[in-house]
Amino acid sequence: MADNVIWPAYFDAEKTRSEGRRVPRELAVTDPSVDEIAAAVQQVGYDVRIERSVTYPREHEPRGRVIARDVEDTKNDLIQAVAAYVTALRD
């Protein structure tokens, strides 16, 4: 089990893959927040820690990041599940 860092850019519909988006556009949302991501990670079943003052390496403004604790899934599986929950939270 390991901790996984999850950045808002992974789910940002305004980003391209090369800018850091890691989910298909259908699962991406506009301006995802660390609070939404943290809630989704908790729905998947993991504890979270939010770090608000950090900046994704490919961005210039700090949007923070979410650390998913003791994750048993692969990072990609976790990201896909979180994307589905974030999309559902927006509906």
N, C-alpha and C. Protein backbone atom coordinates (compact mmCIF):
# COMPACT_ATOMS: atom_id res chain seq x y z
N MET A 1 0.85 -1.19 0.00
CA MET A 1 0.00 0.00 0.00
C MET A 1 0.88 1.24 0.00
N ALA A 2 0.46 2.22 -0.78
CA ALA A 2 1.26 3.43 -0.91
C ALA A 2 0.34 4.65 -0.92
N ASP A 3 0.95 5.81 -0.72
CA ASP A 3 0.22 7.07 -0.85
C ASP A 3 0.33 7.53 -2.30
N ASN A 4 -0.74 8.11 -2.81
CA ASN A 4 -0.75 8.64 -4.18
C ASN A 4 -1.08 10.11 -4.17
N VAL A 5 -0.31 10.89 -4.93
CA VAL A 5 -0.56 12.32 -5.09
C VAL A 5 -1.51 12.50 -6.26
N ILE A 6 -2.56 13.26 -6.05
CA ILE A 6 -3.55 13.52 -7.10
C ILE A 6 -3.68 15.03 -7.27
N TRP A 7 -3.40 15.49 -8.47
CA TRP A 7 -3.44 16.92 -8.79
C TRP A 7 -4.74 17.26 -9.51
N PRO A 8 -5.30 18.45 -9.28
CA PRO A 8 -6.51 18.87 -10.00
C PRO A 8 -6.34 18.85 -11.52
N ALA A 9 -5.14 19.10 -12.01
CA ALA A 9 -4.91 19.11 -13.46
C ALA A 9 -5.27 17.78 -14.10
N TYR A 10 -5.21 16.69 -13.36
CA TYR A 10 -5.55 15.37 -13.90
C TYR A 10 -6.98 15.32 -14.42
N PHE A 11 -7.87 16.14 -13.84
CA PHE A 11 -9.30 16.09 -14.14
C PHE A 11 -9.81 17.34 -14.85
N ASP A 12 -8.93 18.26 -15.21
CA ASP A 12 -9.32 19.56 -15.75
C ASP A 12 -9.62 19.47 -17.24
N ALA A 13 -10.87 19.75 -17.60
CA ALA A 13 -11.31 19.66 -19.00
C ALA A 13 -10.62 20.70 -19.88
N GLU A 14 -10.09 21.76 -19.28
CA GLU A 14 -9.42 22.81 -20.04
C GLU A 14 -7.98 22.43 -20.41
N LYS A 15 -7.47 21.35 -19.84
CA LYS A 15 -6.08 20.93 -20.08
C LYS A 15 -6.03 19.87 -21.17
N THR A 16 -4.91 19.84 -21.87
CA THR A 16 -4.66 18.76 -22.81
C THR A 16 -3.93 17.65 -22.07
N ARG A 17 -3.77 16.52 -22.72
CA ARG A 17 -3.01 15.43 -22.10
C ARG A 17 -1.59 15.87 -21.78
N SER A 18 -0.97 16.61 -22.69
CA SER A 18 0.41 17.04 -22.46
C SER A 18 0.51 18.09 -21.35
N GLU A 19 -0.59 18.75 -21.05
CA GLU A 19 -0.61 19.72 -19.95
C GLU A 19 -0.93 19.06 -18.61
N GLY A 20 -1.22 17.77 -18.64
CA GLY A 20 -1.40 17.05 -17.39
C GLY A 20 -2.72 16.33 -17.19
N ARG A 21 -3.69 16.50 -18.11
CA ARG A 21 -4.97 15.80 -17.93
C ARG A 21 -4.73 14.30 -18.11
N ARG A 22 -5.29 13.49 -17.20
CA ARG A 22 -5.06 12.06 -17.25
C ARG A 22 -6.33 11.26 -17.44
N VAL A 23 -7.45 11.93 -17.64
CA VAL A 23 -8.71 11.23 -17.87
C VAL A 23 -9.29 11.67 -19.21
N PRO A 24 -10.16 10.86 -19.81
CA PRO A 24 -10.80 11.28 -21.06
C PRO A 24 -11.62 12.55 -20.86
N ARG A 25 -11.79 13.34 -21.90
CA ARG A 25 -12.55 14.59 -21.78
C ARG A 25 -13.96 14.36 -21.24
N GLU A 26 -14.56 13.20 -21.53
CA GLU A 26 -15.92 12.92 -21.04
C GLU A 26 -15.97 12.85 -19.51
N LEU A 27 -14.85 12.48 -18.88
CA LEU A 27 -14.80 12.39 -17.42
C LEU A 27 -14.17 13.62 -16.78
N ALA A 28 -13.67 14.54 -17.59
CA ALA A 28 -13.03 15.75 -17.07
C ALA A 28 -14.09 16.80 -16.73
N VAL A 29 -13.73 17.70 -15.82
CA VAL A 29 -14.63 18.79 -15.42
C VAL A 29 -13.87 20.11 -15.51
N THR A 30 -14.61 21.20 -15.53
CA THR A 30 -14.00 22.51 -15.57
C THR A 30 -13.60 22.93 -14.16
N ASP A 31 -12.37 23.35 -14.01
CA ASP A 31 -11.84 23.89 -12.76
C ASP A 31 -12.12 22.99 -11.54
N PRO A 32 -11.60 21.76 -11.54
CA PRO A 32 -11.82 20.89 -10.39
C PRO A 32 -11.10 21.42 -9.15
N SER A 33 -11.69 21.24 -7.99
CA SER A 33 -11.09 21.73 -6.75
C SER A 33 -10.53 20.56 -5.93
N VAL A 34 -9.60 20.87 -5.05
CA VAL A 34 -9.06 19.82 -4.19
C VAL A 34 -10.13 19.29 -3.24
N ASP A 35 -11.10 20.11 -2.89
CA ASP A 35 -12.19 19.65 -2.02
C ASP A 35 -13.05 18.60 -2.72
N GLU A 36 -13.38 18.85 -4.00
CA GLU A 36 -14.14 17.87 -4.78
C GLU A 36 -13.36 16.57 -4.92
N ILE A 37 -12.08 16.69 -5.23
CA ILE A 37 -11.24 15.52 -5.42
C ILE A 37 -11.13 14.74 -4.11
N ALA A 38 -10.93 15.45 -3.00
CA ALA A 38 -10.83 14.79 -1.70
C ALA A 38 -12.12 14.04 -1.37
N ALA A 39 -13.27 14.66 -1.63
CA ALA A 39 -14.55 14.00 -1.37
C ALA A 39 -14.69 12.74 -2.22
N ALA A 40 -14.24 12.81 -3.47
CA ALA A 40 -14.32 11.65 -4.37
C ALA A 40 -13.39 10.53 -3.90
N VAL A 41 -12.20 10.88 -3.46
CA VAL A 41 -11.26 9.87 -2.96
C VAL A 41 -11.85 9.19 -1.73
N GLN A 42 -12.50 9.96 -0.88
CA GLN A 42 -13.13 9.37 0.30
C GLN A 42 -14.28 8.45 -0.10
N GLN A 43 -15.02 8.80 -1.14
CA GLN A 43 -16.09 7.94 -1.64
C GLN A 43 -15.53 6.61 -2.16
N VAL A 44 -14.34 6.66 -2.76
CA VAL A 44 -13.70 5.45 -3.25
C VAL A 44 -13.24 4.58 -2.07
N GLY A 45 -13.02 5.21 -0.91
CA GLY A 45 -12.72 4.44 0.28
C GLY A 45 -11.35 4.66 0.90
N TYR A 46 -10.69 5.75 0.56
CA TYR A 46 -9.36 6.02 1.10
C TYR A 46 -9.36 7.30 1.93
N ASP A 47 -8.44 7.34 2.89
CA ASP A 47 -8.23 8.55 3.67
C ASP A 47 -7.46 9.55 2.82
N VAL A 48 -7.66 10.84 3.10
CA VAL A 48 -7.01 11.88 2.30
C VAL A 48 -6.33 12.91 3.18
N ARG A 49 -5.38 13.57 2.58
CA ARG A 49 -4.76 14.77 3.16
C ARG A 49 -4.72 15.80 2.04
N ILE A 50 -5.16 17.02 2.33
CA ILE A 50 -5.16 18.09 1.34
C ILE A 50 -3.99 19.02 1.63
N GLU A 51 -3.23 19.33 0.59
CA GLU A 51 -2.17 20.33 0.69
C GLU A 51 -2.54 21.45 -0.27
N ARG A 52 -2.94 22.59 0.26
CA ARG A 52 -3.50 23.67 -0.57
C ARG A 52 -2.47 24.61 -1.19
N SER A 53 -1.28 24.69 -0.66
CA SER A 53 -0.34 25.71 -1.10
C SER A 53 0.70 25.22 -2.11
N VAL A 54 0.50 24.05 -2.67
CA VAL A 54 1.48 23.52 -3.63
C VAL A 54 0.99 23.72 -5.06
N THR A 55 1.95 23.76 -5.98
CA THR A 55 1.66 24.02 -7.39
C THR A 55 2.08 22.83 -8.23
N TYR A 56 1.19 22.39 -9.10
CA TYR A 56 1.50 21.32 -10.05
C TYR A 56 2.66 21.80 -10.93
N PRO A 57 3.65 20.95 -11.19
CA PRO A 57 4.83 21.39 -11.94
C PRO A 57 4.56 22.04 -13.30
N ARG A 58 3.46 21.67 -13.95
CA ARG A 58 3.17 22.24 -15.28
C ARG A 58 2.27 23.47 -15.21
N GLU A 59 1.96 23.94 -14.00
CA GLU A 59 1.11 25.13 -13.84
C GLU A 59 1.89 26.22 -13.12
N HIS A 60 1.31 27.42 -13.10
CA HIS A 60 1.96 28.55 -12.46
C HIS A 60 1.26 29.01 -11.19
N GLU A 61 -0.01 28.66 -11.06
CA GLU A 61 -0.79 29.07 -9.89
C GLU A 61 -1.02 27.86 -8.98
N PRO A 62 -0.86 28.03 -7.67
CA PRO A 62 -1.11 26.90 -6.76
C PRO A 62 -2.60 26.57 -6.68
N ARG A 63 -2.93 25.32 -6.95
CA ARG A 63 -4.31 24.84 -6.78
C ARG A 63 -4.37 23.76 -5.72
N GLY A 64 -3.21 23.38 -5.23
CA GLY A 64 -3.16 22.35 -4.20
C GLY A 64 -3.11 20.96 -4.80
N ARG A 65 -3.10 19.98 -3.89
CA ARG A 65 -3.11 18.58 -4.30
C ARG A 65 -3.74 17.76 -3.19
N VAL A 66 -4.14 16.55 -3.55
CA VAL A 66 -4.75 15.63 -2.60
C VAL A 66 -3.83 14.42 -2.50
N ILE A 67 -3.57 13.98 -1.29
CA ILE A 67 -2.78 12.78 -1.08
C ILE A 67 -3.74 11.69 -0.61
N ALA A 68 -3.87 10.64 -1.39
CA ALA A 68 -4.69 9.49 -1.02
C ALA A 68 -3.81 8.53 -0.23
N ARG A 69 -4.23 8.17 0.97
CA ARG A 69 -3.41 7.39 1.89
C ARG A 69 -3.65 5.90 1.73
N ASP A 70 -2.58 5.11 1.79
CA ASP A 70 -2.64 3.65 1.82
C ASP A 70 -3.49 3.06 0.70
N VAL A 71 -3.20 3.46 -0.53
CA VAL A 71 -3.98 3.04 -1.70
C VAL A 71 -3.55 1.64 -2.14
N GLU A 72 -4.53 0.78 -2.35
CA GLU A 72 -4.26 -0.58 -2.81
C GLU A 72 -4.39 -0.69 -4.33
N ASP A 73 -5.19 0.19 -4.95
CA ASP A 73 -5.39 0.17 -6.40
C ASP A 73 -4.17 0.76 -7.11
N THR A 74 -4.10 0.54 -8.43
CA THR A 74 -3.08 1.24 -9.20
C THR A 74 -3.47 2.71 -9.26
N LYS A 75 -2.51 3.56 -9.53
CA LYS A 75 -2.81 4.99 -9.59
C LYS A 75 -3.82 5.28 -10.69
N ASN A 76 -3.68 4.62 -11.84
CA ASN A 76 -4.62 4.86 -12.93
C ASN A 76 -6.04 4.45 -12.55
N ASP A 77 -6.19 3.30 -11.89
CA ASP A 77 -7.53 2.87 -11.46
C ASP A 77 -8.12 3.88 -10.48
N LEU A 78 -7.29 4.37 -9.56
CA LEU A 78 -7.75 5.37 -8.60
C LEU A 78 -8.20 6.64 -9.31
N ILE A 79 -7.41 7.12 -10.25
CA ILE A 79 -7.74 8.35 -10.98
C ILE A 79 -9.04 8.19 -11.76
N GLN A 80 -9.24 7.05 -12.41
CA GLN A 80 -10.47 6.83 -13.17
C GLN A 80 -11.68 6.80 -12.25
N ALA A 81 -11.57 6.15 -11.09
CA ALA A 81 -12.68 6.08 -10.13
C ALA A 81 -12.98 7.47 -9.57
N VAL A 82 -11.95 8.23 -9.24
CA VAL A 82 -12.14 9.59 -8.71
C VAL A 82 -12.80 10.46 -9.77
N ALA A 83 -12.38 10.33 -11.02
CA ALA A 83 -12.98 11.13 -12.10
C ALA A 83 -14.47 10.85 -12.21
N ALA A 84 -14.86 9.59 -12.10
CA ALA A 84 -16.28 9.25 -12.18
C ALA A 84 -17.06 9.89 -11.03
N TYR A 85 -16.50 9.88 -9.83
CA TYR A 85 -17.17 10.50 -8.68
C TYR A 85 -17.23 12.02 -8.80
N VAL A 86 -16.14 12.64 -9.26
CA VAL A 86 -16.14 14.11 -9.41
C VAL A 86 -17.21 14.51 -10.43
N THR A 87 -17.30 13.76 -11.52
CA THR A 87 -18.33 14.04 -12.54
C THR A 87 -19.71 13.89 -11.93
N ALA A 88 -19.93 12.84 -11.13
CA ALA A 88 -21.22 12.62 -10.50
C ALA A 88 -21.54 13.72 -9.49
N LEU A 89 -20.54 14.20 -8.76
CA LEU A 89 -20.76 15.28 -7.80
C LEU A 89 -21.24 16.56 -8.48
N ARG A 90 -20.80 16.77 -9.71
CA ARG A 90 -21.19 17.98 -10.45
C ARG A 90 -22.61 17.91 -11.01
N ASP A 91 -23.15 16.70 -11.15
CA ASP A 91 -24.49 16.55 -11.75
C ASP A 91 -25.59 16.84 -10.74
